C-alpha atoms as a PDB file:
ATOM      1  CA  UNK A   1     140.254 128.189 113.197  1.00  0.00           C
ATOM      2  CA  UNK A   2     138.249 125.368 114.620  1.00  0.00           C
ATOM      3  CA  UNK A   3     141.140 123.428 116.382  1.00  0.00           C
ATOM      4  CA  UNK A   4     144.832 124.133 117.708  1.00  0.00           C
ATOM      5  CA  UNK A   5     146.882 121.623 118.045  1.00  0.00           C
ATOM      6  CA  UNK A   6     149.842 122.454 120.067  1.00  0.00           C
ATOM      7  CA  UNK A   7     153.339 120.170 119.088  1.00  0.00           C
ATOM      8  CA  UNK A   8     156.611 120.835 121.282  1.00  0.00           C
ATOM      9  CA  UNK A   9     159.514 119.782 119.602  1.00  0.00           C
ATOM     10  CA  UNK A  10     163.175 119.047 121.168  1.00  0.00           C
ATOM     11  CA  UNK A  11     166.050 116.945 118.687  1.00  0.00           C
ATOM     12  CA  UNK A  12     162.945 114.907 117.652  1.00  0.00           C
ATOM     13  CA  UNK A  13     164.043 112.400 114.543  1.00  0.00           C
ATOM     14  CA  UNK A  14     163.323 113.530 111.261  1.00  0.00           C
ATOM     15  CA  UNK A  15     161.080 110.491 110.390  1.00  0.00           C
ATOM     16  CA  UNK A  16     159.075 110.818 113.540  1.00  0.00           C
ATOM     17  CA  UNK A  17     158.723 114.510 112.799  1.00  0.00           C
ATOM     18  CA  UNK A  18     157.531 114.277 109.368  1.00  0.00           C
ATOM     19  CA  UNK A  19     154.896 111.264 110.236  1.00  0.00           C
ATOM     20  CA  UNK A  20     153.579 113.664 112.657  1.00  0.00           C
ATOM     21  CA  UNK A  21     153.252 116.417 111.097  1.00  0.00           C
ATOM     22  CA  UNK A  22     151.895 115.054 107.910  1.00  0.00           C
ATOM     23  CA  UNK A  23     149.420 113.428 109.922  1.00  0.00           C
ATOM     24  CA  UNK A  24     148.251 116.615 110.914  1.00  0.00           C
ATOM     25  CA  UNK A  25     148.308 118.461 108.077  1.00  0.00           C
ATOM     26  CA  UNK A  26     146.259 115.359 106.147  1.00  0.00           C
ATOM     27  CA  UNK A  27     143.442 115.918 108.691  1.00  0.00           C
ATOM     28  CA  UNK A  28     139.769 115.310 106.816  1.00  0.00           C
ATOM     29  CA  UNK A  29     138.972 118.790 108.526  1.00  0.00           C
ATOM     30  CA  UNK A  30     140.743 121.479 107.355  1.00  0.00           C
ATOM     31  CA  UNK A  31     140.007 124.533 109.856  1.00  0.00           C
ATOM     32  CA  UNK A  32     142.900 123.670 111.887  1.00  0.00           C
ATOM     33  CA  UNK A  33     146.224 125.388 113.229  1.00  0.00           C
ATOM     34  CA  UNK A  34     149.608 122.738 113.946  1.00  0.00           C
ATOM     35  CA  UNK A  35     151.226 124.951 116.087  1.00  0.00           C
ATOM     36  CA  UNK A  36     154.874 123.883 116.227  1.00  0.00           C
ATOM     37  CA  UNK A  37     157.376 124.976 119.392  1.00  0.00           C
ATOM     38  CA  UNK A  38     160.955 124.369 118.779  1.00  0.00           C
ATOM     39  CA  UNK A  39     162.317 124.012 122.117  1.00  0.00           C
ATOM     40  CA  UNK A  40     166.273 125.158 120.922  1.00  0.00           C
ATOM     41  CA  UNK A  41     166.613 121.748 118.941  1.00  0.00           C
ATOM     42  CA  UNK A  42     170.055 121.308 117.884  1.00  0.00           C
ATOM     43  CA  UNK A  43     169.322 118.884 115.172  1.00  0.00           C
ATOM     44  CA  UNK A  44     167.502 119.558 112.283  1.00  0.00           C
ATOM     45  CA  UNK A  45     164.395 119.716 113.969  1.00  0.00           C
ATOM     46  CA  UNK A  46     164.163 123.378 113.833  1.00  0.00           C
ATOM     47  CA  UNK A  47     164.665 123.646 110.147  1.00  0.00           C
ATOM     48  CA  UNK A  48     161.545 121.204 109.419  1.00  0.00           C
ATOM     49  CA  UNK A  49     159.105 122.962 111.390  1.00  0.00           C
ATOM     50  CA  UNK A  50     160.189 126.190 109.331  1.00  0.00           C
ATOM     51  CA  UNK A  51     159.929 124.241 106.113  1.00  0.00           C
ATOM     52  CA  UNK A  52     156.439 123.010 106.651  1.00  0.00           C
ATOM     53  CA  UNK A  53     155.700 126.466 107.831  1.00  0.00           C
ATOM     54  CA  UNK A  54     156.739 127.194 104.777  1.00  0.00           C
ATOM     55  CA  UNK A  55     154.426 125.382 102.646  1.00  0.00           C
ATOM     56  CA  UNK A  56     151.231 125.551 104.566  1.00  0.00           C
ATOM     57  CA  UNK A  57     149.987 128.440 106.172  1.00  0.00           C
ATOM     58  CA  UNK A  58     147.979 126.614 109.116  1.00  0.00           C
ATOM     59  CA  UNK A  59     151.501 125.847 110.342  1.00  0.00           C
ATOM     60  CA  UNK A  60     152.653 128.290 113.007  1.00  0.00           C
ATOM     61  CA  UNK A  61     156.658 127.936 114.525  1.00  0.00           C
ATOM     62  CA  UNK A  62     158.137 129.772 117.121  1.00  0.00           C
ATOM     63  CA  UNK A  63     161.361 128.907 118.139  1.00  0.00           C
ATOM     64  CA  UNK A  64     162.805 129.165 121.805  1.00  0.00           C
ATOM     65  CA  UNK A  65     165.864 128.561 123.870  1.00  0.00           C
ATOM     66  CA  UNK A  66     165.720 125.184 125.587  1.00  0.00           C
ATOM     67  CA  UNK A  67     163.311 125.753 128.379  1.00  0.00           C
ATOM     68  CA  UNK A  68     161.309 122.341 128.993  1.00  0.00           C
ATOM     69  CA  UNK A  69     158.093 121.223 127.494  1.00  0.00           C
ATOM     70  CA  UNK A  70     156.137 122.658 130.082  1.00  0.00           C
ATOM     71  CA  UNK A  71     157.262 126.330 128.573  1.00  0.00           C
ATOM     72  CA  UNK A  72     156.672 124.949 124.974  1.00  0.00           C
ATOM     73  CA  UNK A  73     152.958 124.201 125.813  1.00  0.00           C
ATOM     74  CA  UNK A  74     152.643 127.544 127.732  1.00  0.00           C
ATOM     75  CA  UNK A  75     153.928 129.431 124.693  1.00  0.00           C
ATOM     76  CA  UNK A  76     151.876 127.818 122.270  1.00  0.00           C
ATOM     77  CA  UNK A  77     148.854 128.394 124.352  1.00  0.00           C
ATOM     78  CA  UNK A  78     149.641 131.907 124.213  1.00  0.00           C
ATOM     79  CA  UNK A  79     149.637 132.052 120.664  1.00  0.00           C
ATOM     80  CA  UNK A  80     147.125 129.451 119.691  1.00  0.00           C
ATOM     81  CA  UNK A  81     143.530 131.348 117.924  1.00  0.00           C
ATOM     82  CA  UNK A  82     141.448 127.824 117.850  1.00  0.00           C
ATOM     83  CA  UNK A  83     138.406 127.492 119.733  1.00  0.00           C
ATOM     84  CA  UNK A  84     139.655 124.245 120.826  1.00  0.00           C
ATOM     85  CA  UNK A  85     143.146 122.933 121.874  1.00  0.00           C
ATOM     86  CA  UNK A  86     144.289 119.584 121.904  1.00  0.00           C
ATOM     87  CA  UNK A  87     148.332 118.282 122.294  1.00  0.00           C
ATOM     88  CA  UNK A  88     150.323 115.951 120.452  1.00  0.00           C
ATOM     89  CA  UNK A  89     154.035 114.843 121.151  1.00  0.00           C
ATOM     90  CA  UNK A  90     156.404 115.208 118.154  1.00  0.00           C
ATOM     91  CA  UNK A  91     157.154 111.433 117.520  1.00  0.00           C
ATOM     92  CA  UNK A  92     154.011 110.601 118.156  1.00  0.00           C
ATOM     93  CA  UNK A  93     151.111 110.473 114.942  1.00  0.00           C
ATOM     94  CA  UNK A  94     147.340 110.648 114.461  1.00  0.00           C
ATOM     95  CA  UNK A  95     144.405 109.095 112.295  1.00  0.00           C
ATOM     96  CA  UNK A  96     143.466 111.718 109.286  1.00  0.00           C
ATOM     97  CA  UNK A  97     139.879 111.743 110.654  1.00  0.00           C
ATOM     98  CA  UNK A  98     141.021 112.284 114.506  1.00  0.00           C
ATOM     99  CA  UNK A  99     140.152 116.181 114.709  1.00  0.00           C
ATOM    100  CA  UNK A 100     136.668 115.568 112.740  1.00  0.00           C
ATOM    101  CA  UNK A 101     135.472 112.972 114.869  1.00  0.00           C
ATOM    102  CA  UNK A 102     136.705 114.713 118.969  1.00  0.00           C
ATOM    103  CA  UNK A 103     135.350 118.102 117.630  1.00  0.00           C
ATOM    104  CA  UNK A 104     131.924 116.775 116.797  1.00  0.00           C
ATOM    105  CA  UNK A 105     131.856 114.557 119.663  1.00  0.00           C
ATOM    106  CA  UNK A 106     132.793 117.338 121.770  1.00  0.00           C
ATOM    107  CA  UNK A 107     129.990 119.795 120.439  1.00  0.00           C
ATOM    108  CA  UNK A 108     127.408 117.061 121.171  1.00  0.00           C
ATOM    109  CA  UNK A 109     128.370 116.401 124.444  1.00  0.00           C
ATOM    110  CA  UNK A 110     128.347 120.063 124.949  1.00  0.00           C
ATOM    111  CA  UNK A 111     131.816 119.189 126.469  1.00  0.00           C
ATOM    112  CA  UNK A 112     134.458 121.205 128.601  1.00  0.00           C
ATOM    113  CA  UNK A 113     136.954 118.562 127.901  1.00  0.00           C
ATOM    114  CA  UNK A 114     136.638 115.548 125.695  1.00  0.00           C
ATOM    115  CA  UNK A 115     138.814 112.739 126.189  1.00  0.00           C
ATOM    116  CA  UNK A 116     139.537 109.906 123.784  1.00  0.00           C
ATOM    117  CA  UNK A 117     142.196 106.989 123.315  1.00  0.00           C
ATOM    118  CA  UNK A 118     144.809 105.632 121.525  1.00  0.00           C
ATOM    119  CA  UNK A 119     147.117 102.901 120.095  1.00  0.00           C
ATOM    120  CA  UNK A 120     150.407 102.136 121.845  1.00  0.00           C
ATOM    121  CA  UNK A 121     153.224 101.516 119.329  1.00  0.00           C
ATOM    122  CA  UNK A 122     155.837  99.315 120.530  1.00  0.00           C
ATOM    123  CA  UNK A 123     157.386  99.085 117.188  1.00  0.00           C
ATOM    124  CA  UNK A 124     156.087  99.036 114.011  1.00  0.00           C
ATOM    125  CA  UNK A 125     155.107  95.904 114.218  1.00  0.00           C
ATOM    126  CA  UNK A 126     153.435  95.751 117.577  1.00  0.00           C
ATOM    127  CA  UNK A 127     150.575  98.058 117.804  1.00  0.00           C
ATOM    128  CA  UNK A 128     148.040  97.601 120.631  1.00  0.00           C
ATOM    129  CA  UNK A 129     144.552  99.225 121.753  1.00  0.00           C
ATOM    130  CA  UNK A 130     144.089 101.063 124.906  1.00  0.00           C
ATOM    131  CA  UNK A 131     141.317 102.624 126.150  1.00  0.00           C
ATOM    132  CA  UNK A 132     140.513 104.369 129.657  1.00  0.00           C
ATOM    133  CA  UNK A 133     136.688 103.026 129.864  1.00  0.00           C
ATOM    134  CA  UNK A 134     134.912 100.523 128.441  1.00  0.00           C
ATOM    135  CA  UNK A 135     132.059 102.873 126.651  1.00  0.00           C
ATOM    136  CA  UNK A 136     131.184 106.253 125.262  1.00  0.00           C
ATOM    137  CA  UNK A 137     130.211 108.519 128.609  1.00  0.00           C
ATOM    138  CA  UNK A 138     128.563 111.848 127.672  1.00  0.00           C
ATOM    139  CA  UNK A 139     129.219 113.579 130.999  1.00  0.00           C
ATOM    140  CA  UNK A 140     131.134 112.199 133.625  1.00  0.00           C
ATOM    141  CA  UNK A 141     128.892 112.166 136.937  1.00  0.00           C
ATOM    142  CA  UNK A 142     131.076 112.757 140.265  1.00  0.00           C
ATOM    143  CA  UNK A 143     131.835 109.850 140.973  1.00  0.00           C
ATOM    144  CA  UNK A 144     133.381 109.354 136.805  1.00  0.00           C
ATOM    145  CA  UNK A 145     135.018 112.671 137.560  1.00  0.00           C
ATOM    146  CA  UNK A 146     136.627 111.418 140.825  1.00  0.00           C
ATOM    147  CA  UNK A 147     137.677 108.084 138.487  1.00  0.00           C
ATOM    148  CA  UNK A 148     139.053 110.488 136.171  1.00  0.00           C
ATOM    149  CA  UNK A 149     141.608 112.045 138.686  1.00  0.00           C
ATOM    150  CA  UNK A 150     142.736 109.109 140.006  1.00  0.00           C
ATOM    151  CA  UNK A 151     143.573 107.451 136.320  1.00  0.00           C
ATOM    152  CA  UNK A 152     145.571 110.601 135.704  1.00  0.00           C
ATOM    153  CA  UNK A 153     147.531 109.617 138.767  1.00  0.00           C
ATOM    154  CA  UNK A 154     147.683 105.949 138.671  1.00  0.00           C
ATOM    155  CA  UNK A 155     146.951 103.449 135.376  1.00  0.00           C
ATOM    156  CA  UNK A 156     145.344 100.484 137.560  1.00  0.00           C
ATOM    157  CA  UNK A 157     144.012 100.121 140.554  1.00  0.00           C
ATOM    158  CA  UNK A 158     141.397  97.603 141.884  1.00  0.00           C
ATOM    159  CA  UNK A 159     138.930 100.647 142.479  1.00  0.00           C
ATOM    160  CA  UNK A 160     138.410 101.475 139.123  1.00  0.00           C
ATOM    161  CA  UNK A 161     135.420 100.549 137.148  1.00  0.00           C
ATOM    162  CA  UNK A 162     137.900  99.953 133.987  1.00  0.00           C
ATOM    163  CA  UNK A 163     141.211  99.306 134.103  1.00  0.00           C
ATOM    164  CA  UNK A 164     143.067 101.072 131.221  1.00  0.00           C
ATOM    165  CA  UNK A 165     145.330  98.118 129.495  1.00  0.00           C
ATOM    166  CA  UNK A 166     148.444  99.833 128.539  1.00  0.00           C
ATOM    167  CA  UNK A 167     148.818 103.974 128.806  1.00  0.00           C
ATOM    168  CA  UNK A 168     147.631 105.939 132.266  1.00  0.00           C
ATOM    169  CA  UNK A 169     145.341 108.539 131.374  1.00  0.00           C
ATOM    170  CA  UNK A 170     147.659 111.468 132.297  1.00  0.00           C
ATOM    171  CA  UNK A 171     149.085 111.938 129.235  1.00  0.00           C
ATOM    172  CA  UNK A 172     149.018 115.429 127.671  1.00  0.00           C
ATOM    173  CA  UNK A 173     147.708 113.765 124.637  1.00  0.00           C
ATOM    174  CA  UNK A 174     144.090 112.227 123.730  1.00  0.00           C
ATOM    175  CA  UNK A 175     142.180 115.194 125.040  1.00  0.00           C
ATOM    176  CA  UNK A 176     140.517 118.640 123.331  1.00  0.00           C
ATOM    177  CA  UNK A 177     139.792 121.096 125.497  1.00  0.00           C
ATOM    178  CA  UNK A 178     137.176 124.176 124.824  1.00  0.00           C
ATOM    179  CA  UNK A 179     139.777 127.360 125.032  1.00  0.00           C
ATOM    180  CA  UNK A 180     137.473 129.236 126.620  1.00  0.00           C
ATOM    181  CA  UNK A 181     137.446 126.986 129.538  1.00  0.00           C
ATOM    182  CA  UNK A 182     141.239 126.633 129.801  1.00  0.00           C
ATOM    183  CA  UNK A 183     141.652 130.367 129.782  1.00  0.00           C
ATOM    184  CA  UNK A 184     139.019 130.859 132.576  1.00  0.00           C
ATOM    185  CA  UNK A 185     140.258 127.956 134.691  1.00  0.00           C
ATOM    186  CA  UNK A 186     143.899 129.723 134.590  1.00  0.00           C
ATOM    187  CA  UNK A 187     145.367 126.116 134.720  1.00  0.00           C
ATOM    188  CA  UNK A 188     148.622 125.942 132.818  1.00  0.00           C
ATOM    189  CA  UNK A 189     151.805 123.685 132.757  1.00  0.00           C
ATOM    190  CA  UNK A 190     154.331 124.045 135.689  1.00  0.00           C
ATOM    191  CA  UNK A 191     157.792 124.946 134.346  1.00  0.00           C
ATOM    192  CA  UNK A 192     159.367 124.001 137.843  1.00  0.00           C
ATOM    193  CA  UNK A 193     158.546 120.463 137.419  1.00  0.00           C
ATOM    194  CA  UNK A 194     161.107 118.341 134.862  1.00  0.00           C
ATOM    195  CA  UNK A 195     158.739 115.212 134.551  1.00  0.00           C
ATOM    196  CA  UNK A 196     154.679 114.825 134.949  1.00  0.00           C
ATOM    197  CA  UNK A 197     153.624 118.073 134.036  1.00  0.00           C
ATOM    198  CA  UNK A 198     151.152 116.609 132.367  1.00  0.00           C
ATOM    199  CA  UNK A 199     149.831 115.102 135.403  1.00  0.00           C
ATOM    200  CA  UNK A 200     149.501 118.461 137.274  1.00  0.00           C
ATOM    201  CA  UNK A 201     147.696 120.327 134.706  1.00  0.00           C
ATOM    202  CA  UNK A 202     145.225 117.576 134.113  1.00  0.00           C
ATOM    203  CA  UNK A 203     144.470 117.541 138.182  1.00  0.00           C
ATOM    204  CA  UNK A 204     143.996 120.739 138.632  1.00  0.00           C
ATOM    205  CA  UNK A 205     141.799 120.832 135.235  1.00  0.00           C
ATOM    206  CA  UNK A 206     139.576 118.281 135.954  1.00  0.00           C
ATOM    207  CA  UNK A 207     138.906 119.398 139.121  1.00  0.00           C
ATOM    208  CA  UNK A 208     137.753 122.574 137.442  1.00  0.00           C
ATOM    209  CA  UNK A 209     135.490 121.283 134.500  1.00  0.00           C
ATOM    210  CA  UNK A 210     131.771 120.551 135.071  1.00  0.00           C
ATOM    211  CA  UNK A 211     131.548 118.858 131.376  1.00  0.00           C
ATOM    212  CA  UNK A 212     133.770 116.099 130.538  1.00  0.00           C
ATOM    213  CA  UNK A 213     133.154 113.367 128.692  1.00  0.00           C
ATOM    214  CA  UNK A 214     134.707 110.103 127.119  1.00  0.00           C
ATOM    215  CA  UNK A 215     134.778 109.017 123.169  1.00  0.00           C
ATOM    216  CA  UNK A 216     136.026 105.310 123.237  1.00  0.00           C
ATOM    217  CA  UNK A 217     137.581 105.398 120.265  1.00  0.00           C
ATOM    218  CA  UNK A 218     141.713 104.984 119.123  1.00  0.00           C
ATOM    219  CA  UNK A 219     142.309 108.204 117.235  1.00  0.00           C
ATOM    220  CA  UNK A 220     145.879 108.360 118.686  1.00  0.00           C
ATOM    221  CA  UNK A 221     149.456 106.258 117.986  1.00  0.00           C
ATOM    222  CA  UNK A 222     151.875 106.865 121.024  1.00  0.00           C
ATOM    223  CA  UNK A 223     155.025 105.263 120.174  1.00  0.00           C
ATOM    224  CA  UNK A 224     157.276 104.221 123.096  1.00  0.00           C
ATOM    225  CA  UNK A 225     160.537 105.523 122.915  1.00  0.00           C
ATOM    226  CA  UNK A 226     163.396 102.805 123.714  1.00  0.00           C
ATOM    227  CA  UNK A 227     165.723 105.796 125.184  1.00  0.00           C
ATOM    228  CA  UNK A 228     162.979 107.019 127.367  1.00  0.00           C
ATOM    229  CA  UNK A 229     164.137 108.959 130.197  1.00  0.00           C
ATOM    230  CA  UNK A 230     162.382 106.508 132.695  1.00  0.00           C
ATOM    231  CA  UNK A 231     164.716 103.792 131.353  1.00  0.00           C
ATOM    232  CA  UNK A 232     167.770 106.363 131.047  1.00  0.00           C
ATOM    233  CA  UNK A 233     170.537 106.996 134.350  1.00  0.00           C
ATOM    234  CA  UNK A 234     169.765 109.588 136.352  1.00  0.00           C
ATOM    235  CA  UNK A 235     171.685 109.682 139.574  1.00  0.00           C
ATOM    236  CA  UNK A 236     169.387 111.601 142.554  1.00  0.00           C
ATOM    237  CA  UNK A 237     166.387 110.804 140.068  1.00  0.00           C
ATOM    238  CA  UNK A 238     164.297 111.084 143.292  1.00  0.00           C
ATOM    239  CA  UNK A 239     164.608 114.958 143.862  1.00  0.00           C
ATOM    240  CA  UNK A 240     162.737 115.571 140.099  1.00  0.00           C
ATOM    241  CA  UNK A 241     159.478 113.110 141.296  1.00  0.00           C
ATOM    242  CA  UNK A 242     159.354 114.583 144.658  1.00  0.00           C
ATOM    243  CA  UNK A 243     158.383 118.007 142.907  1.00  0.00           C
ATOM    244  CA  UNK A 244     155.664 116.184 141.652  1.00  0.00           C
ATOM    245  CA  UNK A 245     154.673 114.052 144.603  1.00  0.00           C
ATOM    246  CA  UNK A 246     154.267 117.261 146.707  1.00  0.00           C
ATOM    247  CA  UNK A 247     151.980 118.894 143.861  1.00  0.00           C
ATOM    248  CA  UNK A 248     149.989 115.750 143.806  1.00  0.00           C
ATOM    249  CA  UNK A 249     149.530 115.253 148.174  1.00  0.00           C
ATOM    250  CA  UNK A 250     149.078 119.364 148.126  1.00  0.00           C
ATOM    251  CA  UNK A 251     145.663 118.672 145.178  1.00  0.00           C
ATOM    252  CA  UNK A 252     144.606 115.747 147.350  1.00  0.00           C
ATOM    253  CA  UNK A 253     144.309 117.389 151.129  1.00  0.00           C
ATOM    254  CA  UNK A 254     143.637 121.489 149.388  1.00  0.00           C
ATOM    255  CA  UNK A 255     140.581 119.798 147.749  1.00  0.00           C
ATOM    256  CA  UNK A 256     139.752 117.501 150.392  1.00  0.00           C
ATOM    257  CA  UNK A 257     139.401 114.448 148.692  1.00  0.00           C
ATOM    258  CA  UNK A 258     138.395 110.769 150.127  1.00  0.00           C
ATOM    259  CA  UNK A 259     140.359 107.853 151.558  1.00  0.00           C
ATOM    260  CA  UNK A 260     140.581 106.345 148.037  1.00  0.00           C
ATOM    261  CA  UNK A 261     143.064 109.326 146.832  1.00  0.00           C
ATOM    262  CA  UNK A 262     145.204 108.401 149.719  1.00  0.00           C
ATOM    263  CA  UNK A 263     145.311 105.146 148.661  1.00  0.00           C
ATOM    264  CA  UNK A 264     146.034 105.452 145.297  1.00  0.00           C
ATOM    265  CA  UNK A 265     149.106 108.371 146.394  1.00  0.00           C
ATOM    266  CA  UNK A 266     150.474 105.766 147.884  1.00  0.00           C
ATOM    267  CA  UNK A 267     151.021 102.980 144.946  1.00  0.00           C
ATOM    268  CA  UNK A 268     152.205 105.980 142.819  1.00  0.00           C
ATOM    269  CA  UNK A 269     154.714 106.836 145.601  1.00  0.00           C
ATOM    270  CA  UNK A 270     155.705 103.028 145.730  1.00  0.00           C
ATOM    271  CA  UNK A 271     155.581 103.185 141.984  1.00  0.00           C
ATOM    272  CA  UNK A 272     158.082 106.414 141.814  1.00  0.00           C
ATOM    273  CA  UNK A 273     160.332 104.576 144.257  1.00  0.00           C
ATOM    274  CA  UNK A 274     160.534 101.831 142.026  1.00  0.00           C
ATOM    275  CA  UNK A 275     161.475 103.956 139.107  1.00  0.00           C
ATOM    276  CA  UNK A 276     164.167 105.770 141.373  1.00  0.00           C
ATOM    277  CA  UNK A 277     165.599 101.909 142.053  1.00  0.00           C
ATOM    278  CA  UNK A 278     166.136 101.094 138.220  1.00  0.00           C
ATOM    279  CA  UNK A 279     166.844 104.302 136.598  1.00  0.00           C
ATOM    280  CA  UNK A 280     169.325 105.101 139.637  1.00  0.00           C
ATOM    281  CA  UNK A 281     170.126 103.166 142.263  1.00  0.00           C
ATOM    282  CA  UNK A 282     170.368  99.970 140.649  1.00  0.00           C
ATOM    283  CA  UNK A 283     171.291 101.174 137.392  1.00  0.00           C
ATOM    284  CA  UNK A 284     173.694  99.594 135.345  1.00  0.00           C
ATOM    285  CA  UNK A 285     175.564 102.671 135.069  1.00  0.00           C
ATOM    286  CA  UNK A 286     175.779 103.048 138.949  1.00  0.00           C
ATOM    287  CA  UNK A 287     179.243 102.423 139.944  1.00  0.00           C
ATOM    288  CA  UNK A 288     178.651 103.851 143.660  1.00  0.00           C
ATOM    289  CA  UNK A 289     179.911 101.557 146.595  1.00  0.00           C
ATOM    290  CA  UNK A 290     177.066  99.453 148.278  1.00  0.00           C
ATOM    291  CA  UNK A 291     177.335 101.835 151.448  1.00  0.00           C
ATOM    292  CA  UNK A 292     176.612 104.893 149.551  1.00  0.00           C
ATOM    293  CA  UNK A 293     173.584 103.727 147.992  1.00  0.00           C
ATOM    294  CA  UNK A 294     172.026 102.691 151.685  1.00  0.00           C
ATOM    295  CA  UNK A 295     173.122 106.350 152.645  1.00  0.00           C
ATOM    296  CA  UNK A 296     171.087 108.137 149.433  1.00  0.00           C
ATOM    297  CA  UNK A 297     168.720 105.926 149.650  1.00  0.00           C
ATOM    298  CA  UNK A 298     168.040 106.516 153.341  1.00  0.00           C
ATOM    299  CA  UNK A 299     167.801 110.206 152.702  1.00  0.00           C
ATOM    300  CA  UNK A 300     165.196 109.867 149.800  1.00  0.00           C
ATOM    301  CA  UNK A 301     162.755 107.955 152.456  1.00  0.00           C
ATOM    302  CA  UNK A 302     163.096 110.971 155.155  1.00  0.00           C
ATOM    303  CA  UNK A 303     161.676 113.112 152.453  1.00  0.00           C
ATOM    304  CA  UNK A 304     157.981 114.246 152.335  1.00  0.00           C
ATOM    305  CA  UNK A 305     155.736 113.133 151.311  1.00  0.00           C
ATOM    306  CA  UNK A 306     157.432 109.905 151.130  1.00  0.00           C
ATOM    307  CA  UNK A 307     158.061 109.707 154.754  1.00  0.00           C
ATOM    308  CA  UNK A 308     154.552 109.995 155.752  1.00  0.00           C
ATOM    309  CA  UNK A 309     153.688 107.529 153.020  1.00  0.00           C
ATOM    310  CA  UNK A 310     155.671 104.586 154.644  1.00  0.00           C
ATOM    311  CA  UNK A 311     154.695 105.632 157.948  1.00  0.00           C
ATOM    312  CA  UNK A 312     150.893 105.229 157.338  1.00  0.00           C
ATOM    313  CA  UNK A 313     149.197 101.981 157.630  1.00  0.00           C
ATOM    314  CA  UNK A 314     147.593 102.055 153.693  1.00  0.00           C
ATOM    315  CA  UNK A 315     148.157  98.915 151.812  1.00  0.00           C
ATOM    316  CA  UNK A 316     145.132  98.406 149.933  1.00  0.00           C
ATOM    317  CA  UNK A 317     145.878  98.350 145.907  1.00  0.00           C
ATOM    318  CA  UNK A 318     149.331  97.317 146.900  1.00  0.00           C
ATOM    319  CA  UNK A 319     151.232  94.424 145.200  1.00  0.00           C
ATOM    320  CA  UNK A 320     152.609  91.897 148.012  1.00  0.00           C
ATOM    321  CA  UNK A 321     155.896  92.912 146.601  1.00  0.00           C
ATOM    322  CA  UNK A 322     155.113  96.308 147.827  1.00  0.00           C
ATOM    323  CA  UNK A 323     153.912  95.551 150.667  1.00  0.00           C
ATOM    324  CA  UNK A 324     157.012  94.206 151.594  1.00  0.00           C
ATOM    325  CA  UNK A 325     159.029  96.947 150.313  1.00  0.00           C
ATOM    326  CA  UNK A 326     156.860  99.881 151.877  1.00  0.00           C
ATOM    327  CA  UNK A 327     157.521  97.819 155.791  1.00  0.00           C
ATOM    328  CA  UNK A 328     161.177  97.188 154.957  1.00  0.00           C
ATOM    329  CA  UNK A 329     161.632 100.822 154.071  1.00  0.00           C
ATOM    330  CA  UNK A 330     159.541 101.676 156.961  1.00  0.00           C
ATOM    331  CA  UNK A 331     161.833  99.741 159.263  1.00  0.00           C
ATOM    332  CA  UNK A 332     164.866 101.343 157.667  1.00  0.00           C
ATOM    333  CA  UNK A 333     166.081  98.024 156.408  1.00  0.00           C
ATOM    334  CA  UNK A 334     167.398  99.628 153.422  1.00  0.00           C
ATOM    335  CA  UNK A 335     170.479  96.872 153.258  1.00  0.00           C
ATOM    336  CA  UNK A 336     168.084  94.329 153.067  1.00  0.00           C
ATOM    337  CA  UNK A 337     165.824  96.162 150.761  1.00  0.00           C
ATOM    338  CA  UNK A 338     168.606  96.535 148.169  1.00  0.00           C
ATOM    339  CA  UNK A 339     169.616  93.216 148.098  1.00  0.00           C
ATOM    340  CA  UNK A 340     165.717  91.844 147.703  1.00  0.00           C
ATOM    341  CA  UNK A 341     165.228  94.368 144.927  1.00  0.00           C
ATOM    342  CA  UNK A 342     168.335  92.801 143.139  1.00  0.00           C
ATOM    343  CA  UNK A 343     166.865  89.390 143.340  1.00  0.00           C
ATOM    344  CA  UNK A 344     163.715  90.169 142.385  1.00  0.00           C
ATOM    345  CA  UNK A 345     164.904  91.855 139.078  1.00  0.00           C
ATOM    346  CA  UNK A 346     166.804  89.274 138.484  1.00  0.00           C
ATOM    347  CA  UNK A 347     164.052  86.395 138.870  1.00  0.00           C
ATOM    348  CA  UNK A 348     161.880  88.842 136.303  1.00  0.00           C
ATOM    349  CA  UNK A 349     164.793  88.698 133.793  1.00  0.00           C
END
């Protein structure tokens, strides 16, 4: 078995799941296994997984109670038998030459990790090319490895040699990983993280790798979901993100990363505050009083590492609006911050 393809499945739409699995079983490379982890689906997704296993012996299905995507991927890794590992999301799909091409490139480059790239599907008629660098890279030097880690934390920053146009590099997909290297690294997905587990996974994995390469070829179709959790109302969303931010900050400190990591992290924190504003504090479904919103925002900005970021003078790479927001929150002018945020959102619309 050459490649194990791990696919977490949770209540995926029937037509999406079928398109995904069909694209994998129709790969030109046949020495693959498709591991479908049904994470306690309550629709027909689990049954569809079993149907595929019944007609193709390359499909393995594992049913588990709903424990989240991190546990699902770890359980998939536990039963994987391939020499190489790649991850696919259940609502995405792949070119039928993907496995053949990425394995050939990884072997040619003696890679521990091969990064490739994707198309972004915003609707069936809107498919855009994405890339992470502008050309193939046979082996990352330390500077390029550092940029790969930074791009795992943030999509774009003025310091990057190439700005990915659409997707950030921290997604679980578009990587081929040597299984022996992965097992020796000891890196796993962290179940306590409800969001952005892939960012922490790849930060730690890239740090341990000596041989990372990049294949500038779009072989994966990433589908945007209109009902994504990044748009859904969730009260106190910041509590979920704090865990991820603390993991990133710990990574930077423990690995003695240079100043650019603090700049990228600062911009990431400001982006996260923005997400929390849109998914909680000013979301259309949030009916709480203005006063209560200010109380909760003040509580958020007192939490670490947000508090430290707001106090530090770093502003390189921030938009002018983020520089202003950072100052307002540092000065605790939350009421003005909320009013200006709402005005800015109306201008955007």
